[in-house]
Every structure is written in structure tokens, then in C-alpha cells.
Protein backbone atom coordinates (compact mmCIF):
# COMPACT_ATOMS: atom_id res chain seq x y z
CA UNK A 1 13.51 184.16 308.27
CA UNK A 2 12.86 181.25 310.58
CA UNK A 3 14.10 178.86 307.92
CA UNK A 4 17.24 180.95 307.45
CA UNK A 5 17.88 180.97 311.20
CA UNK A 6 17.25 177.24 311.46
CA UNK A 7 19.50 176.57 308.49
CA UNK A 8 22.27 178.70 310.02
CA UNK A 9 21.81 176.99 313.36
CA UNK A 10 21.82 173.55 311.75
CA UNK A 11 24.97 174.36 309.79
CA UNK A 12 26.58 175.75 312.93
CA UNK A 13 25.65 172.63 314.87
CA UNK A 14 27.01 170.50 312.07
CA UNK A 15 30.31 172.43 312.12
CA UNK A 16 30.50 172.26 315.91
CA UNK A 17 30.04 168.48 315.76
CA UNK A 18 32.96 168.39 313.36
CA UNK A 19 34.99 170.47 315.84
CA UNK A 20 34.24 168.00 318.60
CA UNK A 21 35.16 165.08 316.33
CA UNK A 22 38.46 166.80 315.44
CA UNK A 23 39.21 167.32 319.14
CA UNK A 24 38.53 163.63 319.82
CA UNK A 25 40.86 162.65 316.98
CA UNK A 26 43.55 164.94 318.41
CA UNK A 27 43.29 163.08 321.73
CA UNK A 28 43.59 159.79 319.83
CA UNK A 29 46.66 161.11 317.98
CA UNK A 30 48.33 162.10 321.25
CA UNK A 31 47.70 158.59 322.58
CA UNK A 32 49.35 157.10 319.47
CA UNK A 33 52.37 159.39 319.90
CA UNK A 34 52.57 158.42 323.56
CA UNK A 35 52.76 154.72 322.71
CA UNK A 36 55.47 155.49 320.13
CA UNK A 37 57.46 157.34 322.78
CA UNK A 38 57.07 154.39 325.17
CA UNK A 39 58.38 152.03 322.48
CA UNK A 40 61.48 154.20 322.02
CA UNK A 41 62.07 154.46 325.77
CA UNK A 42 61.83 150.68 326.17
CA UNK A 43 64.19 150.08 323.24
CA UNK A 44 66.66 152.43 324.89
CA UNK A 45 66.28 150.44 328.15
CA UNK A 46 66.96 147.23 326.19
CA UNK A 47 70.07 148.79 324.67
CA UNK A 48 71.25 150.06 328.08
CA UNK A 49 70.73 146.70 329.78
CA UNK A 50 72.55 144.67 327.11
CA UNK A 51 75.50 147.07 327.02
CA UNK A 52 75.73 147.05 330.81
CA UNK A 53 75.86 143.25 330.79
CA UNK A 54 78.43 143.15 327.98
CA UNK A 55 80.65 145.65 329.81
CA UNK A 56 80.43 144.08 333.30
CA UNK A 57 79.42 140.45 332.79
CA UNK A 58 76.99 140.84 335.72
CA UNK A 59 73.55 139.40 334.92
CA UNK A 60 71.95 141.96 337.25
CA UNK A 61 72.41 144.49 334.45
CA UNK A 62 69.98 142.48 332.29
CA UNK A 63 67.02 143.69 334.40
CA UNK A 64 66.36 146.79 332.18
CA UNK A 65 66.78 144.56 329.11
CA UNK A 66 64.15 142.04 330.26
CA UNK A 67 61.72 144.71 331.51
CA UNK A 68 62.18 146.74 328.31
CA UNK A 69 61.29 143.74 326.12
CA UNK A 70 58.05 143.13 328.01
CA UNK A 71 56.99 146.81 328.11
CA UNK A 72 57.93 147.31 324.45
CA UNK A 73 55.60 144.53 323.41
CA UNK A 74 52.73 146.12 325.36
CA UNK A 75 53.36 149.55 323.80
CA UNK A 76 53.69 148.01 320.32
CA UNK A 77 50.38 146.13 320.60
CA UNK A 78 48.68 149.31 321.81
CA UNK A 79 50.10 151.37 318.91
CA UNK A 80 49.07 148.72 316.39
CA UNK A 81 45.54 148.73 317.80
CA UNK A 82 45.28 152.53 317.79
CA UNK A 83 46.53 152.83 314.17
CA UNK A 84 44.52 149.95 312.72
CA UNK A 85 42.81 152.40 310.34
CA UNK A 86 46.11 153.86 309.05
CA UNK A 87 47.92 151.55 306.54
CA UNK A 88 51.01 153.78 306.37
CA UNK A 89 51.50 153.69 310.13
CA UNK A 90 50.84 149.96 310.17
CA UNK A 91 53.63 149.54 307.62
CA UNK A 92 56.01 151.60 309.77
CA UNK A 93 55.11 149.51 312.82
CA UNK A 94 55.83 146.31 310.88
CA UNK A 95 59.24 147.68 309.89
CA UNK A 96 59.93 148.67 313.50
CA UNK A 97 58.99 145.17 314.69
CA UNK A 98 61.33 143.64 312.11
CA UNK A 99 64.17 145.87 313.37
CA UNK A 100 63.48 144.86 316.99
CA UNK A 101 63.70 141.19 315.97
CA UNK A 102 67.09 141.86 314.38
CA UNK A 103 68.22 143.74 317.48
CA UNK A 104 67.05 140.79 319.58
CA UNK A 105 69.17 138.41 317.48
CA UNK A 106 72.23 140.64 318.00
CA UNK A 107 71.51 140.91 321.75
CA UNK A 108 71.20 137.13 322.12
CA UNK A 109 74.54 136.71 320.35
CA UNK A 110 76.13 139.28 322.69
CA UNK A 111 74.72 137.50 325.74
CA UNK A 112 76.08 134.17 324.48
CA UNK A 113 79.55 135.64 323.81
CA UNK A 114 79.56 137.38 327.19
CA UNK A 115 78.79 134.10 328.97
CA UNK A 116 81.55 132.36 327.02
CA UNK A 117 83.93 135.19 327.95
CA UNK A 118 82.98 134.81 331.63
CA UNK A 119 83.73 131.10 331.44
CA UNK A 120 87.01 131.37 329.50
CA UNK A 121 88.24 134.78 330.73
CA UNK A 122 88.83 135.74 327.08
CA UNK A 123 86.87 138.67 325.61
CA UNK A 124 88.46 138.75 322.14
CA UNK A 125 85.44 137.30 320.33
CA UNK A 126 83.05 139.48 322.35
CA UNK A 127 85.01 142.63 321.62
CA UNK A 128 85.19 141.84 317.90
CA UNK A 129 81.44 141.24 317.60
CA UNK A 130 80.48 144.16 319.85
CA UNK A 131 82.86 146.51 318.04
CA UNK A 132 81.09 145.76 314.75
CA UNK A 133 78.11 147.80 316.11
CA UNK A 134 75.41 145.55 314.61
CA UNK A 135 72.87 146.72 317.20
CA UNK A 136 73.65 150.41 316.64
CA UNK A 137 72.81 150.22 312.93
CA UNK A 138 69.40 148.66 313.66
CA UNK A 139 68.79 151.04 316.58
CA UNK A 140 69.53 154.13 314.45
CA UNK A 141 67.05 152.86 311.85
CA UNK A 142 64.50 152.23 314.59
CA UNK A 143 64.88 155.80 315.86
CA UNK A 144 64.42 157.13 312.35
CA UNK A 145 61.23 155.08 311.86
CA UNK A 146 59.91 156.20 315.23
CA UNK A 147 60.58 159.84 314.28
CA UNK A 148 58.74 159.31 310.95
CA UNK A 149 55.88 157.69 312.87
CA UNK A 150 55.50 160.70 315.21
CA UNK A 151 56.00 163.16 312.36
CA UNK A 152 53.09 161.57 310.49
CA UNK A 153 50.90 161.96 313.59
CA UNK A 154 52.02 165.58 313.99
CA UNK A 155 51.06 166.20 310.35
CA UNK A 156 47.58 164.90 311.15
CA UNK A 157 47.41 167.35 314.06
CA UNK A 158 48.33 170.24 311.77
CA UNK A 159 45.73 169.21 309.16
CA UNK A 160 43.03 168.97 311.82
CA UNK A 161 44.07 172.36 313.22
CA UNK A 162 43.58 173.93 309.81
CA UNK A 163 40.22 172.19 309.49
CA UNK A 164 39.15 173.52 312.90
CA UNK A 165 40.10 177.05 311.93
CA UNK A 166 38.27 176.70 308.60
CA UNK A 167 35.15 175.34 310.33
CA UNK A 168 35.22 178.18 312.87
CA UNK A 169 35.56 180.73 310.11
CA UNK A 170 32.74 179.19 308.06
CA UNK A 171 30.49 178.95 311.13
CA UNK A 172 31.10 182.59 311.92
CA UNK A 173 30.40 183.54 308.32
CA UNK A 174 27.16 181.55 308.34
CA UNK A 175 26.02 183.15 311.58
CA UNK A 176 26.87 186.63 310.38
CA UNK A 177 25.28 185.97 306.99
CA UNK A 178 22.16 184.55 308.60
CA UNK A 179 21.89 187.55 310.87
CA UNK A 180 22.48 189.97 308.03
CA UNK A 181 19.94 188.17 305.84
CA UNK A 182 17.40 188.25 308.64
CA UNK A 183 17.92 191.98 309.08
CA UNK A 184 17.59 192.50 305.33
CA UNK A 185 14.36 190.51 305.19
CA UNK A 186 13.01 192.44 308.16
CA UNK A 187 13.80 195.75 306.48
CA UNK A 188 12.21 194.64 303.17
CA UNK A 189 9.19 193.27 304.99
CA UNK A 190 8.86 196.53 306.91
CA UNK A 191 8.59 198.50 303.70
CA UNK A 192 6.54 195.91 301.80
CA UNK A 193 4.06 194.85 304.41
CA UNK A 194 1.29 197.16 305.35
CA UNK A 195 0.11 198.15 308.76
CA UNK A 196 -2.32 195.25 308.71
CA UNK A 197 0.45 192.73 309.14
CA UNK A 198 2.31 194.59 311.90
CA UNK A 199 0.74 192.18 314.35
CA UNK A 200 2.27 189.32 312.36
CA UNK A 201 5.66 190.89 312.95
CA UNK A 202 5.11 190.79 316.66
CA UNK A 203 6.29 194.37 317.11
CA UNK A 204 7.43 197.44 315.37
CA UNK A 205 9.67 196.90 312.35
CA UNK A 206 12.30 199.19 313.89
CA UNK A 207 12.42 197.05 317.03
CA UNK A 208 12.78 193.86 314.97
CA UNK A 209 15.54 195.50 312.91
CA UNK A 210 17.35 196.56 316.05
CA UNK A 211 17.23 193.01 317.47
CA UNK A 212 18.44 191.56 314.15
CA UNK A 213 21.28 194.07 314.02
CA UNK A 214 22.39 193.15 317.55
CA UNK A 215 22.31 189.47 316.66
CA UNK A 216 24.18 190.12 313.40
CA UNK A 217 26.79 192.02 315.42
CA UNK A 218 27.13 189.04 317.78
CA UNK A 219 25.33 190.61 320.74
CA UNK A 220 23.02 187.88 322.07
CA UNK A 221 22.29 189.72 325.32
CA UNK A 222 19.73 192.11 323.79
CA UNK A 223 16.16 191.25 324.97
CA UNK A 224 13.52 190.58 322.32
CA UNK A 225 10.23 192.29 323.15
CA UNK A 226 7.33 189.86 322.61
CA UNK A 227 3.62 190.20 323.01
CA UNK A 228 1.63 187.82 325.18
CA UNK A 229 1.22 184.38 323.61
CA UNK A 230 3.28 185.43 320.60
CA UNK A 231 4.84 182.26 319.20
CA UNK A 232 4.64 182.60 315.43
CA UNK A 233 5.74 186.17 314.76
CA UNK A 234 9.06 187.41 313.47
CA UNK A 235 10.03 188.65 316.91
CA UNK A 236 9.34 185.19 318.33
CA UNK A 237 11.54 183.64 315.65
CA UNK A 238 14.28 186.11 316.46
CA UNK A 239 13.94 185.26 320.12
CA UNK A 240 14.18 181.54 319.34
CA UNK A 241 17.20 182.10 317.13
CA UNK A 242 18.88 184.20 319.83
CA UNK A 243 18.23 181.52 322.44
CA UNK A 244 19.55 178.75 320.19
CA UNK A 245 22.61 180.75 319.27
CA UNK A 246 23.14 181.53 322.94
CA UNK A 247 22.97 177.80 323.76
CA UNK A 248 25.41 176.94 320.98
CA UNK A 249 27.87 179.69 321.89
CA UNK A 250 27.75 178.77 325.56
CA UNK A 251 28.39 175.14 324.63
CA UNK A 252 31.49 176.20 322.72
CA UNK A 253 32.60 178.43 325.58
CA UNK A 254 32.08 175.56 328.02
CA UNK A 255 34.27 173.32 325.85
CA UNK A 256 36.90 176.06 325.77
CA UNK A 257 36.77 176.31 329.56
CA UNK A 258 37.18 172.54 329.85
CA UNK A 259 40.25 172.71 327.66
CA UNK A 260 41.52 175.63 329.74
CA UNK A 261 41.03 173.66 332.97
CA UNK A 262 42.86 170.67 331.47
CA UNK A 263 45.72 172.92 330.39
CA UNK A 264 45.84 174.40 333.90
CA UNK A 265 46.01 170.96 335.50
CA UNK A 266 48.78 169.92 333.13
CA UNK A 267 50.65 173.13 333.92
CA UNK A 268 50.25 172.50 337.67
CA UNK A 269 51.52 168.96 337.23
CA UNK A 270 54.50 170.29 335.27
CA UNK A 271 55.29 172.75 338.07
CA UNK A 272 55.18 170.02 340.73
CA UNK A 273 57.20 167.68 338.56
CA UNK A 274 59.80 170.37 337.90
CA UNK A 275 60.19 171.10 341.61
CA UNK A 276 60.55 167.43 342.45
CA UNK A 277 63.03 166.99 339.64
CA UNK A 278 65.14 169.80 341.13
CA UNK A 279 64.88 168.22 344.58
CA UNK A 280 65.85 164.83 343.17
CA UNK A 281 68.82 166.34 341.36
CA UNK A 282 69.98 168.08 344.56
CA UNK A 283 69.64 164.84 346.54
CA UNK A 284 71.61 162.98 343.87
CA UNK A 285 74.36 165.60 344.06
CA UNK A 286 74.59 165.30 347.86
CA UNK A 287 74.52 161.50 347.65
CA UNK A 288 77.25 161.50 345.02
CA UNK A 289 79.45 163.72 347.22
CA UNK A 290 78.93 161.45 350.23
CA UNK A 291 79.65 158.37 348.15
CA UNK A 292 82.91 159.90 346.91
CA UNK A 293 84.02 160.54 350.50
CA UNK A 294 82.94 157.05 351.56
CA UNK A 295 84.77 155.53 348.59
CA UNK A 296 87.97 157.36 349.55
CA UNK A 297 87.67 156.20 353.18
CA UNK A 298 86.98 152.59 352.23
CA UNK A 299 89.89 152.53 349.80
CA UNK A 300 92.19 153.94 352.48
CA UNK A 301 90.94 151.30 354.95
CA UNK A 302 91.51 148.61 352.33
CA UNK A 303 95.09 149.81 351.76
CA UNK A 304 95.74 149.92 355.50
CA UNK A 305 94.27 146.42 355.87
CA UNK A 306 96.55 145.10 353.13
CA UNK A 307 99.60 146.72 354.77
CA UNK A 308 98.55 145.36 358.16
CA UNK A 309 98.15 141.93 356.62
CA UNK A 310 101.69 142.10 355.18
CA UNK A 311 103.11 143.23 358.55
CA UNK A 312 101.22 140.48 360.38
CA UNK A 313 102.57 137.88 357.97
CA UNK A 314 106.12 139.22 358.52
CA UNK A 315 105.62 139.15 362.28
CA UNK A 316 104.31 135.59 362.03
CA UNK A 317 107.41 134.56 360.06
CA UNK A 318 109.73 136.19 362.60
CA UNK A 319 107.84 134.59 365.48
CA UNK A 320 108.19 131.16 363.86
CA UNK A 321 111.92 131.72 363.41
CA UNK A 322 112.19 132.86 367.06
CA UNK A 323 110.42 129.67 368.14
CA UNK A 324 112.88 127.59 366.15
CA UNK A 325 115.85 129.41 367.75
CA UNK A 326 114.40 128.90 371.22
CA UNK A 327 113.95 125.20 370.42
CA UNK A 328 117.61 124.94 369.45
CA UNK A 329 118.60 126.77 372.69
CA UNK A 330 116.55 124.27 374.72
CA UNK A 331 118.31 121.37 372.99
CA UNK A 332 121.71 122.97 373.73
CA UNK A 333 120.79 123.51 377.41
CA UNK A 334 119.74 119.88 377.66
CA UNK A 335 123.05 118.79 376.17
CA UNK A 336 124.93 121.01 378.68
CA UNK A 337 122.90 119.46 381.51
CA UNK A 338 123.81 115.96 380.31
CA UNK A 339 127.51 116.94 380.08
CA UNK A 340 127.38 118.33 383.64
CA UNK A 341 125.93 115.06 384.89
CA UNK A 342 128.70 113.10 383.19
CA UNK A 343 131.38 115.40 384.66
CA UNK A 344 129.78 114.94 388.09
CA UNK A 345 130.07 111.16 387.70
CA UNK A 346 133.72 111.49 386.69
CA UNK A 347 134.44 113.67 389.76
CA UNK A 348 132.75 111.05 391.95
CA UNK A 349 135.10 108.42 390.51
CA UNK A 350 138.07 110.73 391.18
CA UNK A 351 136.93 111.19 394.82
CA UNK A 352 136.72 107.44 395.21
CA UNK A 353 140.20 107.03 393.79
CA UNK A 354 141.57 109.79 396.14
CA UNK A 355 139.89 108.17 399.12
CA UNK A 356 141.36 104.76 398.24
CA UNK A 357 144.77 106.38 397.68
CA UNK A 358 144.52 108.06 401.08
CA UNK A 359 143.72 104.72 402.73
CA UNK A 360 146.57 103.02 400.97
CA UNK A 361 148.98 105.82 401.94
CA UNK A 362 147.85 105.54 405.58
CA UNK A 363 148.41 101.77 405.55
CA UNK A 364 151.85 102.29 403.99
CA UNK A 365 152.80 104.79 406.70
CA UNK A 366 151.73 102.33 409.43
CA UNK A 367 153.81 99.53 407.83
CA UNK A 368 156.79 101.88 407.46
CA UNK A 369 156.63 102.75 411.15
CA UNK A 370 156.68 99.09 412.05
CA UNK A 371 159.76 98.56 409.90
CA UNK A 372 161.79 101.06 411.88
CA UNK A 373 164.79 102.64 410.25
CA UNK A 374 164.46 100.60 407.12
CA UNK A 375 161.00 101.94 406.41
CA UNK A 376 161.58 105.61 407.21
CA UNK A 377 162.12 106.69 403.63
CA UNK A 378 159.05 104.76 402.51
CA UNK A 379 157.08 106.51 405.31
CA UNK A 380 158.05 109.89 403.91
CA UNK A 381 156.87 108.87 400.43
CA UNK A 382 153.65 107.49 401.85
CA UNK A 383 153.10 110.74 403.71
CA UNK A 384 153.54 112.74 400.50
CA UNK A 385 151.20 110.42 398.62
CA UNK A 386 148.60 110.80 401.38
CA UNK A 387 148.98 114.57 401.22
CA UNK A 388 148.47 114.53 397.48
CA UNK A 389 145.45 112.23 397.83
CA UNK A 390 143.87 114.59 400.35
CA UNK A 391 144.51 117.56 398.10
CA UNK A 392 143.04 115.62 395.15
CA UNK A 393 139.98 114.74 397.24
CA UNK A 394 139.55 118.37 398.31
CA UNK A 395 139.92 119.60 394.70
CA UNK A 396 137.49 116.96 393.45
CA UNK A 397 135.00 118.02 396.13
CA UNK A 398 135.33 121.66 395.09
CA UNK A 399 134.89 120.73 391.41
CA UNK A 400 131.88 118.59 392.29
CA UNK A 401 130.29 121.49 394.21
CA UNK A 402 130.86 123.78 391.23
CA UNK A 403 129.46 121.17 388.83
CA UNK A 404 126.39 120.69 391.04
CA UNK A 405 125.88 124.45 391.22
CA UNK A 406 126.29 124.72 387.43
CA UNK A 407 123.86 121.84 386.93
CA UNK A 408 121.23 123.53 389.08
CA UNK A 409 121.68 126.76 387.12
CA UNK A 410 121.54 124.89 383.85
CA UNK A 411 118.30 123.21 384.95
CA UNK A 412 116.81 126.58 385.94
CA UNK A 413 117.95 128.00 382.59
CA UNK A 414 116.47 125.02 380.76
CA UNK A 415 113.18 125.54 382.57
CA UNK A 416 113.17 129.25 381.72
CA UNK A 417 114.06 128.57 378.11
CA UNK A 418 111.26 125.99 377.95
CA UNK A 419 108.80 128.57 379.29
CA UNK A 420 110.15 131.09 376.78
CA UNK A 421 109.64 128.55 373.97
CA UNK A 422 106.05 127.98 375.09
CA UNK A 423 105.51 131.74 375.20
CA UNK A 424 107.00 132.10 371.70
CA UNK A 425 104.62 129.38 370.43
CA UNK A 426 101.69 131.25 371.94
CA UNK A 427 102.93 134.45 370.29
CA UNK A 428 103.20 132.60 366.96
CA UNK A 429 99.61 131.36 367.32
CA UNK A 430 98.40 134.84 368.28
CA UNK A 431 100.19 136.37 365.29
CA UNK A 432 98.61 133.75 363.04
CA UNK A 433 95.18 134.65 364.44
CA UNK A 434 95.91 138.34 363.80
CA UNK A 435 97.01 137.45 360.27
CA UNK A 436 93.74 135.59 359.65
CA UNK A 437 91.73 138.54 361.00
CA UNK A 438 93.69 141.02 358.85
CA UNK A 439 93.06 138.81 355.81
CA UNK A 440 89.31 138.82 356.52
CA UNK A 441 89.38 142.60 357.02
CA UNK A 442 91.20 143.04 353.71
CA UNK A 443 88.64 140.84 351.91
CA UNK A 444 85.74 142.71 353.55
CA UNK A 445 87.26 146.07 352.51
CA UNK A 446 87.56 144.81 348.94
CA UNK A 447 83.89 143.75 348.98
CA UNK A 448 82.93 147.16 350.36
CA UNK A 449 84.85 148.87 347.56
CA UNK A 450 83.04 146.73 344.97
CA UNK A 451 79.66 147.48 346.58
CA UNK A 452 80.32 151.22 346.59
CA UNK A 453 81.28 151.11 342.92
CA UNK A 454 77.95 149.41 342.21
CA UNK A 455 76.17 152.13 344.22
CA UNK A 456 77.96 154.74 342.10
CA UNK A 457 76.69 153.00 338.97
CA UNK A 458 73.15 153.01 340.42
CA UNK A 459 73.50 156.75 341.10
CA UNK A 460 74.55 157.22 337.48
CA UNK A 461 71.36 155.49 336.35
CA UNK A 462 69.32 157.67 338.73
CA UNK A 463 70.97 160.73 337.18
CA UNK A 464 69.97 159.42 333.75
CA UNK A 465 66.33 159.02 334.87
CA UNK A 466 66.36 162.54 336.37
CA UNK A 467 67.56 163.99 333.06
CA UNK A 468 64.88 162.08 331.16
CA UNK A 469 62.22 163.38 333.55
CA UNK A 470 63.51 166.92 333.04
CA UNK A 471 63.10 166.47 329.29
CA UNK A 472 59.57 165.12 329.81
CA UNK A 473 58.72 168.21 331.90
CA UNK A 474 59.75 170.45 329.02
CA UNK A 475 57.72 168.38 326.55
CA UNK A 476 54.66 168.42 328.79
CA UNK A 477 55.00 172.20 329.15
CA UNK A 478 55.09 172.53 325.37
CA UNK A 479 51.98 170.33 325.07
CA UNK A 480 50.14 172.44 327.65
CA UNK A 481 51.15 175.59 325.77
CA UNK A 482 49.86 174.15 322.48
CA UNK A 483 46.58 173.10 324.10
CA UNK A 484 46.17 176.55 325.65
CA UNK A 485 46.78 178.21 322.27
CA UNK A 486 44.19 175.98 320.61
CA UNK A 487 41.67 176.84 323.34
CA UNK A 488 42.43 180.52 322.83
CA UNK A 489 41.86 180.25 319.09
CA UNK A 490 38.58 178.41 319.64
CA UNK A 491 37.33 181.00 322.09
CA UNK A 492 38.48 183.83 319.83
CA UNK A 493 36.37 182.34 317.04
CA UNK A 494 33.20 182.71 319.12
CA UNK A 495 34.42 185.76 321.01
CA UNK A 496 32.34 188.10 318.89
CA UNK A 497 29.21 186.76 320.54
CA UNK A 498 28.05 188.29 323.80
CA UNK A 499 25.99 186.15 326.16
CA UNK A 500 24.77 186.74 329.67
CA UNK A 501 27.73 186.04 331.99
CA UNK A 502 29.90 184.81 329.10
CA UNK A 503 32.21 187.81 328.43
CA UNK A 504 35.00 186.85 330.86
CA UNK A 505 35.42 183.20 329.76
CA UNK A 506 38.85 183.85 328.22
CA UNK A 507 40.49 184.46 331.62
CA UNK A 508 41.17 180.76 332.52
CA UNK A 509 42.97 180.22 329.20
CA UNK A 510 45.29 183.14 329.79
CA UNK A 511 45.89 181.98 333.35
CA UNK A 512 46.74 178.45 332.21
CA UNK A 513 49.10 179.81 329.58
CA UNK A 514 50.78 182.00 332.19
CA UNK A 515 51.29 179.04 334.48
CA UNK A 516 52.85 177.01 331.67
CA UNK A 517 55.18 179.85 330.68
CA UNK A 518 56.34 180.54 334.25
CA UNK A 519 56.85 176.91 335.25
CA UNK A 520 60.51 176.59 336.35
CA UNK A 521 62.71 174.44 334.16
CA UNK A 522 64.44 171.53 335.89
CA UNK A 523 68.21 171.30 336.07
CA UNK A 524 69.06 168.06 334.27
CA UNK A 525 72.78 168.49 335.00
CA UNK A 526 72.39 168.79 338.80
CA UNK A 527 74.17 165.51 339.39
CA UNK A 528 77.18 166.03 337.13
CA UNK A 529 79.57 164.92 339.87
CA UNK A 530 78.47 161.33 339.33
CA UNK A 531 80.71 159.04 337.24
CA UNK A 532 79.37 159.07 333.65
CA UNK A 533 78.96 155.32 333.21
CA UNK A 534 75.66 155.38 331.34
CA UNK A 535 75.16 155.49 327.58
CA UNK A 536 74.61 159.06 326.41
CA UNK A 537 71.97 158.03 323.88
CA UNK A 538 69.55 157.27 326.70
CA UNK A 539 69.38 160.94 327.66
CA UNK A 540 67.71 161.92 324.36
CA UNK A 541 64.10 162.99 325.04
CA UNK A 542 61.16 161.66 323.09
CA UNK A 543 60.10 163.85 320.14
CA UNK A 544 56.55 164.54 321.37
CA UNK A 545 54.59 164.32 324.63
CA UNK A 546 51.75 161.94 325.41
CA UNK A 547 48.38 163.45 326.16
CA UNK A 548 47.54 160.58 328.49
CA UNK A 549 49.79 161.99 331.17
CA UNK A 550 47.82 162.55 334.37
CA UNK A 551 48.79 164.62 337.38
CA UNK A 552 47.78 161.92 339.85
CA UNK A 553 49.97 159.31 338.14
CA UNK A 554 52.90 161.72 337.98
CA UNK A 555 52.57 162.51 341.71
CA UNK A 556 52.47 158.83 342.62
CA UNK A 557 55.50 157.96 340.46
CA UNK A 558 57.62 160.76 341.90
CA UNK A 559 56.63 160.00 345.49
CA UNK A 560 57.99 156.47 345.06
CA UNK A 561 61.01 157.44 342.94
């Protein structure tokens, strides 16, 4: 009976070692699938970066492309290392690497054509090559290979799951068979052995049968009555078998609890990640709304600045014309002043002539008086000439006074017109300054509009990342659910055994499963108001989650997101 118990225990230990090995291989498989998912994500980043550069011509869009190339190589090397013992997966990785090299050749050609288009302002060659969709053909093949890669790993998981269930069933059968065989041997020995060997049994046959029946039924809590210093009897062997089985079952239960705790931590991480995804989506929606309002305001300011610039240019043109007119008025006033001076000189000559005529008429009158009667008629003529000379002198004086007055007024007018011309020149200069300022404002508004459009594009990329994270939350929840179900199956396999304090070990598994099922799903479309300028293929989630996800890393990433 001792040999049977030891054989059952040894076989059980052997099967449990296989269970632990299968669990370790499952962890390894999840790591391989995680690296495959990282390769796909980085290839999508490469595709997004190259298309952004082709569409905009801005080399800043090549950042995801360059980062994706570097991270892809890391993930590829890791996957190749992890699958070194799997020739089929190694062949798929080689095919995937060959496709990435072809995609790289296409991307380099696109970059070259984009640079040539930037230099020549002609995008005909770029559009023709890009429209041929060379990169899409290779990328679709890469996605198919990546899906085959993950499907092969998932097949390994299913095979190991079946092996685990078979090992659990065989272990249970061995334990039950060993217990039943022990009970049968005890019953046969009870009838066959005489009273003389009762002491060799270590107790009454009925008591030994009862203990064996409890053990066969899976109840390891029943005490085995032993005599003092009894180490070699049947009852002692049953006690040893019960203790060993208790140790084995508790070890399995402890492993199940560890899996349950891990599933609970993953579920908690999924809950936190889901909440932060919802918060991020809400923030993106608010930011998008604010950016739309700011874009409208900046565009209106830009339009107003352009209109103000046009009005300022018109005002500057009118001011220049006004300055030219004032210049011509000043020239005319100067000409009038010169004409007044010449008229004044002519009047002065006329006054001199009138004065001389008056003197001559006076002399003629004196000579006529001396001539007596003969000169009387000449005296009358001289008197009339003198009268006319006096009237001419008086008229010339009046004209001279008017000319002088007009000259003074013309000089004052010329001075005022000169001041007006200077003022007009100052206005022209001021209008030119305003025109320059309006031009700078218009250019600044245009730069602001361009910057806001770039911010909108950045918000679109943030929306893309939020949707990807939402998909990862769902995948992680599915992984936690699968892990919880596996833990439940493992614990159910050893659930028939009763150990001291070991009946309620299935509670953490149920709790972890409940947490996973009730974790709120994120809203990947929370930022739909953003302009859809990203490639839709990026939003496709990876086929399977990575078991290397850790709650601490997730918290750190989302705190800095």
C-alpha cells in the first residue's frame, strides 16, 4: 500500500511538474505574441509617418517613421530570439523581414520623390508612384504573415490547454485509483490477516478502511489515529500519504491563487486604464471644440487684417496723390507771388512816369504864365495833363496798395500751403507705417492659422492613440478573462480534495473574473469632432494581447500621456 501511495504521489508530482512547465510555456507564448504585436504597431507607425510626409512635405512627419524603424528592429530581434526553437515561426519572421525591406525601398523612393516635388513644385511623379500603392501590397502581406504568426502561437496555447486538462484528469484518476486500491488492500488484509497482525496495521481494520475511504473521496482533513512510535504500520503509511497529498494539493491551490491574484491585478489595471482612456477622450473632445473656436477667431482676424491692409494701402495711395496736389498748389502760389512782384515793379514804373509827367506839366504851366496871352491855351493843356498825371499817380498808388496786400496774402497762403504739404507728407509716412504694421499682422495671422492646423493634426493623432489604447484595454480584459478561466479549471480539477483551510480558495478567482467582466469599456469615438486626417488602418487593434503588460508600466505611461 505504501508503494501504491508513493507511486500515485510520484505520478501526481510528475504530472504537476508538467503543468508548471505548460504554464511557463504559456507565458513564453504570450511574450512572443506581444513582440509580434509590437512589430505590427511599429510598421503601422512607419506607414503613418511616410504617408504624412508624402501628403504634407513636412519632414517633421517622418518622426513616427524613424522611431518605428528603430523599435521594429528591437521587436523583431526579440521575436527571433524567443522563437529560435520553432523553424516554422523563424521562416515567417524571415518572410516578414523581407517584406519590411521591400517596404523600406518603396518608402525611400517616396521620400526622394517628395523632396524632388518640394524643390520643383511638381507632384506628378510623386502622385503616380504613390497611387500605384506599392507599399500597401507589401503591408497587406505583412499583416497576413503577422496574423499567421499569432495564430500559430494561439494554436500552441490551445494544445497546451488540452494537455493541462488531460494531465489534471489523469492525476485525479491516479489519486482516486490509488485511494481505491489502498482501501481494497486494507479490506482484503482485514479479512486475510489474523488478530496477531492487528498491531502491524496500527489500528482496527475498520478505522483504516474509514481513513482510506475519506482519502479516496478526496477528504484529506480526516485525522489518522496512530499509536505511539508507530512509523511502519498501515495507518502510518496512510497518514504519510494524506500529508503528502495535502502538500501537493495545497501547492496546486497556491498556484491557482497566484494566477487569481495576477488576473485581479490585470483586471485592476484594465479598470484604471479604461477610466483614464475615457478622461483622455473627454479632454480631447474639449480641446477639439476649443481649437475649432480658436481657428474661427484666428481666420476672422486674418481676414480683417487683410482687409485692413488693403484699406491702408488705398489710404497710402490717396495720401500720396494729395501730397502731389499740394505740391502743385505750392508751385502755383509761388508763381502767383512772382507775378505780383512783377506787377508791383510795373506800378512803380507807372508812378515814376506820372510823377515826371506832373513835374513837366507844372513846368509847362509856369512857362505858359510867363508867355502871357500867347501861352494861355498851352497853360490850359498843361493843367489838364497835370490833372491826368495826378489821377494816374493816385490810381497807380491804389493799385500798388492792392498788389502789396495781395502779395502779403499770397505769401501767407503759400506758407499755409507749405505747412499743409508737410502735414500731408507726415500723413503719407504714417499711413505707410500703418500699412507695414497691417502687413505684419496679416502675416502673423497666417502663421497662426498654419500653427492651429498643425495642432488639429496633432489632436487627430492623439485621438488615434486613444482609440488604440481603448482596443488594448479590451484585449487585456479578454486576456485576464482567459487567465481567470484557466485558474478556475485548474482549481476545479483539485477541488474534490478537502484540506485544512483550503475549501474557500476559489473565491479570489471568481472575484477576479467579476472585476474583468464589470470593467467599463472605453469610448474610442469620444473625440469624433476632430478632423479625420489620420490613416484609418492605424486604428486596427492587434490580434492578441501581450502577457508582459504590467500595471505599474501602464500607470506610468498614462500619467505622462
